[in-house]
Protein backbone atom coordinates (compact mmCIF):
# COMPACT_ATOMS: atom_id res chain seq x y z
CA MET A 1 52.26 1.21 93.21
CA SER A 2 49.90 -1.24 91.48
CA GLU A 3 50.54 -0.28 87.98
CA PRO A 4 53.81 1.51 87.60
CA LYS A 5 53.90 0.82 83.75
CA SER A 6 50.64 2.61 83.21
CA GLU A 7 51.88 5.68 85.20
CA GLU A 8 55.23 5.67 83.24
CA ARG A 9 53.38 5.60 79.95
CA LYS A 10 51.16 8.47 81.06
CA ILE A 11 54.28 10.55 82.17
CA LYS A 12 55.90 9.90 78.90
CA LEU A 13 52.90 10.94 76.92
CA LYS A 14 52.49 13.94 78.88
CA SER A 15 56.14 15.08 78.63
CA GLU A 16 55.86 14.38 74.81
CA GLN A 17 52.55 16.52 74.74
CA LEU A 18 54.21 19.19 76.78
CA PRO A 19 57.00 20.33 74.42
CA GLU A 20 54.51 19.91 71.51
CA SER A 21 51.95 22.18 73.03
CA LYS A 22 54.58 24.84 73.80
CA LEU A 23 56.06 24.77 70.45
CA ARG A 24 52.56 25.29 68.87
CA HIS A 25 51.84 28.04 71.33
CA GLY A 26 55.05 29.69 70.28
CA GLN A 27 54.02 29.41 66.59
CA GLN A 28 50.49 30.76 67.33
CA PRO A 29 48.32 27.74 66.07
CA PRO A 30 45.25 28.73 64.06
CA GLY A 31 42.07 27.37 65.74
CA CYS A 32 43.77 26.88 69.00
CA LEU A 33 44.32 30.30 70.47
CA SER A 34 41.75 31.70 68.03
CA ARG A 35 38.96 29.70 69.72
């Protein structure tokens, strides 16, 4: 509990990246799954 702000920012970034990656996976992104 030394830097709660940095942890909150990481959680926010993760929560924002989670839905994006899911949406991209559903649309079958070119270059991502193709790799």
